[in-house]
């Protein structure tokens, strides 16, 4: 597993644990990570420091 993949999984896991499944969604058609009332590009999951987990 690459370090980028590991970072993305850690960030996604941290978001799910802190916000819950109802407030985190991956929209594959638009490459968006939907967070409650907003969103960011999915690539942000690969960024170290995006959550406290990385």
N, C-alpha and C. Protein backbone atom coordinates (compact mmCIF):
# COMPACT_ATOMS: atom_id res chain seq x y z
N UNK A 1 0.85 -1.17 0.00
CA UNK A 1 0.00 0.00 0.00
C UNK A 1 0.90 1.24 0.00
N UNK A 2 0.56 2.20 -0.82
CA UNK A 2 1.36 3.42 -0.88
C UNK A 2 1.07 4.30 0.33
N UNK A 3 1.99 5.20 0.63
CA UNK A 3 1.80 6.12 1.76
C UNK A 3 0.62 7.05 1.50
N UNK A 4 0.41 7.44 0.24
CA UNK A 4 -0.72 8.30 -0.11
C UNK A 4 -2.05 7.59 0.17
N UNK A 5 -2.13 6.32 -0.16
CA UNK A 5 -3.34 5.54 0.11
C UNK A 5 -3.56 5.39 1.60
N UNK A 6 -2.51 5.11 2.33
CA UNK A 6 -2.60 4.98 3.79
C UNK A 6 -3.11 6.28 4.42
N UNK A 7 -2.59 7.42 3.97
CA UNK A 7 -3.03 8.72 4.47
C UNK A 7 -4.50 8.95 4.17
N UNK A 8 -4.92 8.64 2.95
CA UNK A 8 -6.32 8.83 2.56
C UNK A 8 -7.24 7.98 3.43
N UNK A 9 -6.87 6.74 3.66
CA UNK A 9 -7.71 5.86 4.48
C UNK A 9 -7.77 6.33 5.92
N UNK A 10 -6.66 6.78 6.47
CA UNK A 10 -6.64 7.30 7.84
C UNK A 10 -7.52 8.54 7.96
N UNK A 11 -7.43 9.43 6.98
CA UNK A 11 -8.26 10.64 7.00
C UNK A 11 -9.74 10.29 6.89
N UNK A 12 -10.08 9.40 5.97
CA UNK A 12 -11.48 9.01 5.79
C UNK A 12 -12.01 8.34 7.06
N UNK A 13 -11.23 7.46 7.63
CA UNK A 13 -11.62 6.79 8.87
C UNK A 13 -11.86 7.80 9.99
N UNK A 14 -10.98 8.77 10.11
CA UNK A 14 -11.13 9.79 11.16
C UNK A 14 -12.40 10.62 10.95
N UNK A 15 -12.71 10.95 9.70
CA UNK A 15 -13.93 11.71 9.42
C UNK A 15 -15.18 10.91 9.78
N UNK A 16 -15.20 9.65 9.41
CA UNK A 16 -16.34 8.79 9.71
C UNK A 16 -16.53 8.66 11.22
N UNK A 17 -15.44 8.45 11.93
CA UNK A 17 -15.52 8.28 13.39
C UNK A 17 -15.96 9.56 14.10
N UNK A 18 -15.51 10.71 13.61
CA UNK A 18 -15.82 11.96 14.30
C UNK A 18 -17.16 12.56 13.87
N UNK A 19 -17.56 12.37 12.63
CA UNK A 19 -18.79 12.99 12.13
C UNK A 19 -19.95 12.02 11.95
N UNK A 20 -19.64 10.75 11.78
CA UNK A 20 -20.68 9.76 11.55
C UNK A 20 -20.96 9.56 10.07
N UNK A 21 -21.57 8.43 9.76
CA UNK A 21 -21.84 8.08 8.36
C UNK A 21 -22.84 9.02 7.69
N UNK A 22 -23.69 9.67 8.46
CA UNK A 22 -24.69 10.55 7.86
C UNK A 22 -24.11 11.87 7.36
N UNK A 23 -22.91 12.24 7.85
CA UNK A 23 -22.33 13.54 7.49
C UNK A 23 -21.10 13.43 6.59
N UNK A 24 -20.75 12.23 6.14
CA UNK A 24 -19.59 12.04 5.27
C UNK A 24 -20.01 11.16 4.10
N UNK A 25 -19.76 11.65 2.88
CA UNK A 25 -20.15 10.88 1.70
C UNK A 25 -19.13 11.12 0.59
N UNK A 26 -18.87 10.09 -0.18
CA UNK A 26 -18.03 10.23 -1.37
C UNK A 26 -18.93 10.28 -2.59
N UNK A 27 -18.86 11.37 -3.33
CA UNK A 27 -19.62 11.50 -4.56
C UNK A 27 -18.65 11.26 -5.71
N UNK A 28 -18.66 10.04 -6.22
CA UNK A 28 -17.70 9.62 -7.23
C UNK A 28 -17.90 10.36 -8.55
N UNK A 29 -19.13 10.73 -8.88
CA UNK A 29 -19.40 11.40 -10.16
C UNK A 29 -18.76 12.78 -10.23
N UNK A 30 -18.65 13.46 -9.08
CA UNK A 30 -18.08 14.81 -9.06
C UNK A 30 -16.72 14.86 -8.36
N UNK A 31 -16.19 13.69 -7.96
CA UNK A 31 -14.92 13.63 -7.23
C UNK A 31 -14.93 14.54 -6.01
N UNK A 32 -16.04 14.48 -5.26
CA UNK A 32 -16.21 15.35 -4.10
C UNK A 32 -16.39 14.53 -2.84
N UNK A 33 -15.74 14.97 -1.78
CA UNK A 33 -15.96 14.45 -0.44
C UNK A 33 -16.96 15.40 0.19
N UNK A 34 -18.19 14.92 0.39
CA UNK A 34 -19.27 15.75 0.91
C UNK A 34 -19.24 15.64 2.43
N UNK A 35 -19.16 16.79 3.10
CA UNK A 35 -19.10 16.85 4.56
C UNK A 35 -20.25 17.71 5.07
N UNK A 36 -21.30 17.06 5.55
CA UNK A 36 -22.47 17.76 6.09
C UNK A 36 -22.98 18.80 5.11
N UNK A 37 -22.62 20.08 5.29
CA UNK A 37 -23.17 21.17 4.48
C UNK A 37 -22.16 21.74 3.50
N UNK A 38 -21.10 21.00 3.19
CA UNK A 38 -20.09 21.48 2.27
C UNK A 38 -19.34 20.33 1.65
N UNK A 39 -18.21 20.63 1.08
CA UNK A 39 -17.43 19.56 0.50
C UNK A 39 -16.09 20.03 -0.01
N UNK A 40 -15.24 19.07 -0.30
CA UNK A 40 -13.91 19.33 -0.86
C UNK A 40 -13.63 18.27 -1.92
N UNK A 41 -12.63 18.50 -2.73
CA UNK A 41 -12.26 17.48 -3.71
C UNK A 41 -11.73 16.26 -2.97
N UNK A 42 -12.01 15.09 -3.51
CA UNK A 42 -11.61 13.83 -2.87
C UNK A 42 -10.10 13.78 -2.63
N UNK A 43 -9.33 14.42 -3.48
CA UNK A 43 -7.88 14.41 -3.33
C UNK A 43 -7.41 14.95 -1.98
N UNK A 44 -8.22 15.75 -1.32
CA UNK A 44 -7.85 16.27 0.00
C UNK A 44 -7.63 15.16 1.01
N UNK A 45 -8.28 14.02 0.80
CA UNK A 45 -8.07 12.89 1.70
C UNK A 45 -6.62 12.43 1.71
N UNK A 46 -5.91 12.66 0.63
CA UNK A 46 -4.51 12.23 0.50
C UNK A 46 -3.54 13.20 1.17
N UNK A 47 -4.03 14.32 1.64
CA UNK A 47 -3.15 15.36 2.20
C UNK A 47 -2.90 15.11 3.68
N UNK A 48 -1.64 14.90 4.04
CA UNK A 48 -1.31 14.78 5.46
C UNK A 48 -1.74 16.05 6.19
N UNK A 49 -2.37 15.88 7.34
CA UNK A 49 -2.84 17.02 8.11
C UNK A 49 -4.28 17.40 7.84
N UNK A 50 -4.92 16.72 6.89
CA UNK A 50 -6.33 17.02 6.61
C UNK A 50 -7.19 16.76 7.83
N UNK A 51 -6.84 15.72 8.60
CA UNK A 51 -7.48 15.44 9.88
C UNK A 51 -6.37 15.24 10.92
N UNK A 52 -6.76 15.17 12.17
CA UNK A 52 -5.79 14.93 13.25
C UNK A 52 -5.13 13.57 13.13
N UNK A 53 -5.74 12.65 12.39
CA UNK A 53 -5.19 11.29 12.26
C UNK A 53 -3.90 11.26 11.45
N UNK A 54 -3.67 12.30 10.66
CA UNK A 54 -2.47 12.31 9.83
C UNK A 54 -1.64 13.53 10.13
